[in-house]
């Protein structure tokens, strides 16, 4: 029973972390801080 409770708490913690990441991503997108491109574009930017 204790293991079950711990598992449930860990699952909820992960859900909360995912929700926070989604919220931050949506805010960044709304602010125009997100760009799209290909993998080649990303690699080229990382090399520069």
PDB file of N, CA and C in Angstrom:
ATOM      1  N   UNK A   1       0.821  -1.194   0.000  1.00  0.00           N
ATOM      2  CA  UNK A   1       0.000   0.000   0.000  1.00  0.00           C
ATOM      3  C   UNK A   1       0.863   1.255   0.000  1.00  0.00           C
ATOM      4  N   UNK A   2       1.918   1.268   0.761  1.00  0.00           N
ATOM      5  CA  UNK A   2       2.811   2.427   0.789  1.00  0.00           C
ATOM      6  C   UNK A   2       3.457   2.646  -0.573  1.00  0.00           C
ATOM      7  N   UNK A   3       3.830   1.566  -1.217  1.00  0.00           N
ATOM      8  CA  UNK A   3       4.441   1.661  -2.547  1.00  0.00           C
ATOM      9  C   UNK A   3       3.445   2.286  -3.517  1.00  0.00           C
ATOM     10  N   UNK A   4       2.203   1.896  -3.420  1.00  0.00           N
ATOM     11  CA  UNK A   4       1.164   2.446  -4.288  1.00  0.00           C
ATOM     12  C   UNK A   4       1.020   3.958  -4.078  1.00  0.00           C
ATOM     13  N   UNK A   5       1.022   4.384  -2.841  1.00  0.00           N
ATOM     14  CA  UNK A   5       0.907   5.812  -2.540  1.00  0.00           C
ATOM     15  C   UNK A   5       2.100   6.591  -3.089  1.00  0.00           C
ATOM     16  N   UNK A   6       3.282   6.043  -2.932  1.00  0.00           N
ATOM     17  CA  UNK A   6       4.483   6.706  -3.444  1.00  0.00           C
ATOM     18  C   UNK A   6       4.429   6.786  -4.966  1.00  0.00           C
ATOM     19  N   UNK A   7       3.996   5.705  -5.604  1.00  0.00           N
ATOM     20  CA  UNK A   7       3.874   5.716  -7.067  1.00  0.00           C
ATOM     21  C   UNK A   7       2.891   6.786  -7.525  1.00  0.00           C
ATOM     22  N   UNK A   8       1.780   6.899  -6.848  1.00  0.00           N
ATOM     23  CA  UNK A   8       0.778   7.905  -7.206  1.00  0.00           C
ATOM     24  C   UNK A   8       1.334   9.319  -7.035  1.00  0.00           C
ATOM     25  N   UNK A   9       2.063   9.554  -5.968  1.00  0.00           N
ATOM     26  CA  UNK A   9       2.654  10.873  -5.746  1.00  0.00           C
ATOM     27  C   UNK A   9       3.683  11.203  -6.821  1.00  0.00           C
ATOM     28  N   UNK A  10       4.493  10.220  -7.194  1.00  0.00           N
ATOM     29  CA  UNK A  10       5.483  10.435  -8.247  1.00  0.00           C
ATOM     30  C   UNK A  10       4.809  10.698  -9.596  1.00  0.00           C
ATOM     31  N   UNK A  11       3.715   9.988  -9.864  1.00  0.00           N
ATOM     32  CA  UNK A  11       2.976  10.225 -11.099  1.00  0.00           C
ATOM     33  C   UNK A  11       2.407  11.641 -11.125  1.00  0.00           C
ATOM     34  N   UNK A  12       1.851  12.080 -10.011  1.00  0.00           N
ATOM     35  CA  UNK A  12       1.291  13.425  -9.948  1.00  0.00           C
ATOM     36  C   UNK A  12       2.387  14.477 -10.081  1.00  0.00           C
ATOM     37  N   UNK A  13       3.534  14.229  -9.470  1.00  0.00           N
ATOM     38  CA  UNK A  13       4.650  15.156  -9.578  1.00  0.00           C
ATOM     39  C   UNK A  13       5.087  15.285 -11.037  1.00  0.00           C
ATOM     40  N   UNK A  14       5.151  14.168 -11.748  1.00  0.00           N
ATOM     41  CA  UNK A  14       5.527  14.193 -13.161  1.00  0.00           C
ATOM     42  C   UNK A  14       4.491  14.952 -13.988  1.00  0.00           C
ATOM     43  N   UNK A  15       3.218  14.754 -13.684  1.00  0.00           N
ATOM     44  CA  UNK A  15       2.156  15.496 -14.383  1.00  0.00           C
ATOM     45  C   UNK A  15       2.308  16.994 -14.151  1.00  0.00           C
ATOM     46  N   UNK A  16       2.602  17.368 -12.919  1.00  0.00           N
ATOM     47  CA  UNK A  16       2.787  18.784 -12.598  1.00  0.00           C
ATOM     48  C   UNK A  16       3.981  19.367 -13.356  1.00  0.00           C
ATOM     49  N   UNK A  17       5.071  18.592 -13.451  1.00  0.00           N
ATOM     50  CA  UNK A  17       6.255  19.050 -14.177  1.00  0.00           C
ATOM     51  C   UNK A  17       5.948  19.213 -15.662  1.00  0.00           C
ATOM     52  N   UNK A  18       5.198  18.269 -16.230  1.00  0.00           N
ATOM     53  CA  UNK A  18       4.821  18.365 -17.639  1.00  0.00           C
ATOM     54  C   UNK A  18       3.915  19.562 -17.892  1.00  0.00           C
ATOM     55  N   UNK A  19       2.988  19.801 -16.994  1.00  0.00           N
ATOM     56  CA  UNK A  19       2.097  20.947 -17.123  1.00  0.00           C
ATOM     57  C   UNK A  19       2.895  22.244 -17.104  1.00  0.00           C
ATOM     58  N   UNK A  20       3.874  22.347 -16.227  1.00  0.00           N
ATOM     59  CA  UNK A  20       4.715  23.533 -16.154  1.00  0.00           C
ATOM     60  C   UNK A  20       5.512  23.711 -17.446  1.00  0.00           C
ATOM     61  N   UNK A  21       6.042  22.619 -17.987  1.00  0.00           N
ATOM     62  CA  UNK A  21       6.811  22.693 -19.237  1.00  0.00           C
ATOM     63  C   UNK A  21       5.923  23.126 -20.396  1.00  0.00           C
ATOM     64  N   UNK A  22       4.712  22.614 -20.457  1.00  0.00           N
ATOM     65  CA  UNK A  22       3.779  23.001 -21.520  1.00  0.00           C
ATOM     66  C   UNK A  22       3.417  24.472 -21.395  1.00  0.00           C
ATOM     67  N   UNK A  23       3.168  24.914 -20.187  1.00  0.00           N
ATOM     68  CA  UNK A  23       2.827  26.319 -19.956  1.00  0.00           C
ATOM     69  C   UNK A  23       3.971  27.228 -20.404  1.00  0.00           C
ATOM     70  N   UNK A  24       5.201  26.878 -20.023  1.00  0.00           N
ATOM     71  CA  UNK A  24       6.355  27.679 -20.422  1.00  0.00           C
ATOM     72  C   UNK A  24       6.531  27.678 -21.935  1.00  0.00           C
ATOM     73  N   UNK A  25       6.305  26.535 -22.566  1.00  0.00           N
ATOM     74  CA  UNK A  25       6.433  26.439 -24.017  1.00  0.00           C
ATOM     75  C   UNK A  25       5.400  27.298 -24.721  1.00  0.00           C
ATOM     76  N   UNK A  26       4.188  27.266 -24.234  1.00  0.00           N
ATOM     77  CA  UNK A  26       3.125  28.080 -24.844  1.00  0.00           C
ATOM     78  C   UNK A  26       3.414  29.571 -24.678  1.00  0.00           C
ATOM     79  N   UNK A  27       3.924  29.953 -23.524  1.00  0.00           N
ATOM     80  CA  UNK A  27       4.271  31.356 -23.303  1.00  0.00           C
ATOM     81  C   UNK A  27       5.399  31.794 -24.232  1.00  0.00           C
ATOM     82  N   UNK A  28       6.408  30.950 -24.390  1.00  0.00           N
ATOM     83  CA  UNK A  28       7.520  31.260 -25.285  1.00  0.00           C
ATOM     84  C   UNK A  28       7.021  31.390 -26.723  1.00  0.00           C
ATOM     85  N   UNK A  29       6.112  30.514 -27.128  1.00  0.00           N
ATOM     86  CA  UNK A  29       5.552  30.580 -28.472  1.00  0.00           C
ATOM     87  C   UNK A  29       4.764  31.869 -28.663  1.00  0.00           C
ATOM     88  N   UNK A  30       3.972  32.225 -27.672  1.00  0.00           N
ATOM     89  CA  UNK A  30       3.165  33.447 -27.754  1.00  0.00           C
ATOM     90  C   UNK A  30       4.042  34.694 -27.848  1.00  0.00           C
ATOM     91  N   UNK A  31       5.203  34.667 -27.223  1.00  0.00           N
ATOM     92  CA  UNK A  31       6.122  35.802 -27.242  1.00  0.00           C
ATOM     93  C   UNK A  31       6.989  35.824 -28.498  1.00  0.00           C
ATOM     94  N   UNK A  32       6.886  34.788 -29.309  1.00  0.00           N
ATOM     95  CA  UNK A  32       7.687  34.717 -30.521  1.00  0.00           C
ATOM     96  C   UNK A  32       9.110  34.263 -30.271  1.00  0.00           C
ATOM     97  N   UNK A  33       9.337  33.588 -29.175  1.00  0.00           N
ATOM     98  CA  UNK A  33      10.681  33.130 -28.823  1.00  0.00           C
ATOM     99  C   UNK A  33      10.990  31.750 -29.385  1.00  0.00           C
ATOM    100  N   UNK A  34      10.061  31.199 -30.150  1.00  0.00           N
ATOM    101  CA  UNK A  34      10.222  29.860 -30.700  1.00  0.00           C
ATOM    102  C   UNK A  34      10.310  29.978 -32.215  1.00  0.00           C
ATOM    103  N   UNK A  35      11.266  29.272 -32.781  1.00  0.00           N
ATOM    104  CA  UNK A  35      11.406  29.268 -34.235  1.00  0.00           C
ATOM    105  C   UNK A  35      11.269  27.846 -34.747  1.00  0.00           C
ATOM    106  N   UNK A  36      10.896  27.739 -36.003  1.00  0.00           N
ATOM    107  CA  UNK A  36      10.818  26.411 -36.602  1.00  0.00           C
ATOM    108  C   UNK A  36      11.899  26.288 -37.665  1.00  0.00           C
ATOM    109  N   UNK A  37      12.248  25.058 -37.956  1.00  0.00           N
ATOM    110  CA  UNK A  37      13.256  24.803 -38.972  1.00  0.00           C
ATOM    111  C   UNK A  37      13.554  23.326 -39.050  1.00  0.00           C
ATOM    112  N   UNK A  38      14.477  23.003 -39.909  1.00  0.00           N
ATOM    113  CA  UNK A  38      14.858  21.606 -40.074  1.00  0.00           C
ATOM    114  C   UNK A  38      15.988  21.262 -39.114  1.00  0.00           C
ATOM    115  N   UNK A  39      16.302  19.997 -39.060  1.00  0.00           N
ATOM    116  CA  UNK A  39      17.438  19.555 -38.247  1.00  0.00           C
ATOM    117  C   UNK A  39      18.717  20.181 -38.780  1.00  0.00           C
ATOM    118  N   UNK A  40      18.817  20.278 -40.096  1.00  0.00           N
ATOM    119  CA  UNK A  40      19.995  20.902 -40.708  1.00  0.00           C
ATOM    120  C   UNK A  40      20.123  22.362 -40.269  1.00  0.00           C
ATOM    121  N   UNK A  41      18.997  23.065 -40.194  1.00  0.00           N
ATOM    122  CA  UNK A  41      19.007  24.460 -39.719  1.00  0.00           C
ATOM    123  C   UNK A  41      19.503  24.540 -38.288  1.00  0.00           C
ATOM    124  N   UNK A  42      19.043  23.638 -37.444  1.00  0.00           N
ATOM    125  CA  UNK A  42      19.468  23.614 -36.048  1.00  0.00           C
ATOM    126  C   UNK A  42      20.963  23.355 -35.934  1.00  0.00           C
ATOM    127  N   UNK A  43      21.439  22.361 -36.657  1.00  0.00           N
ATOM    128  CA  UNK A  43      22.860  22.038 -36.612  1.00  0.00           C
ATOM    129  C   UNK A  43      23.724  23.183 -37.129  1.00  0.00           C
ATOM    130  N   UNK A  44      23.252  23.841 -38.172  1.00  0.00           N
ATOM    131  CA  UNK A  44      23.992  24.989 -38.701  1.00  0.00           C
ATOM    132  C   UNK A  44      24.059  26.105 -37.684  1.00  0.00           C
ATOM    133  N   UNK A  45      22.971  26.341 -36.988  1.00  0.00           N
ATOM    134  CA  UNK A  45      22.954  27.391 -35.965  1.00  0.00           C
ATOM    135  C   UNK A  45      23.867  27.031 -34.800  1.00  0.00           C
ATOM    136  N   UNK A  46      23.885  25.774 -34.424  1.00  0.00           N
ATOM    137  CA  UNK A  46      24.749  25.345 -33.326  1.00  0.00           C
ATOM    138  C   UNK A  46      26.225  25.468 -33.688  1.00  0.00           C
ATOM    139  N   UNK A  47      26.551  25.286 -34.961  1.00  0.00           N
ATOM    140  CA  UNK A  47      27.936  25.383 -35.410  1.00  0.00           C
ATOM    141  C   UNK A  47      28.422  26.830 -35.488  1.00  0.00           C
ATOM    142  N   UNK A  48      27.508  27.761 -35.609  1.00  0.00           N
ATOM    143  CA  UNK A  48      27.920  29.168 -35.737  1.00  0.00           C
ATOM    144  C   UNK A  48      28.102  29.863 -34.426  1.00  0.00           C
TER     145      UNK A  48
END
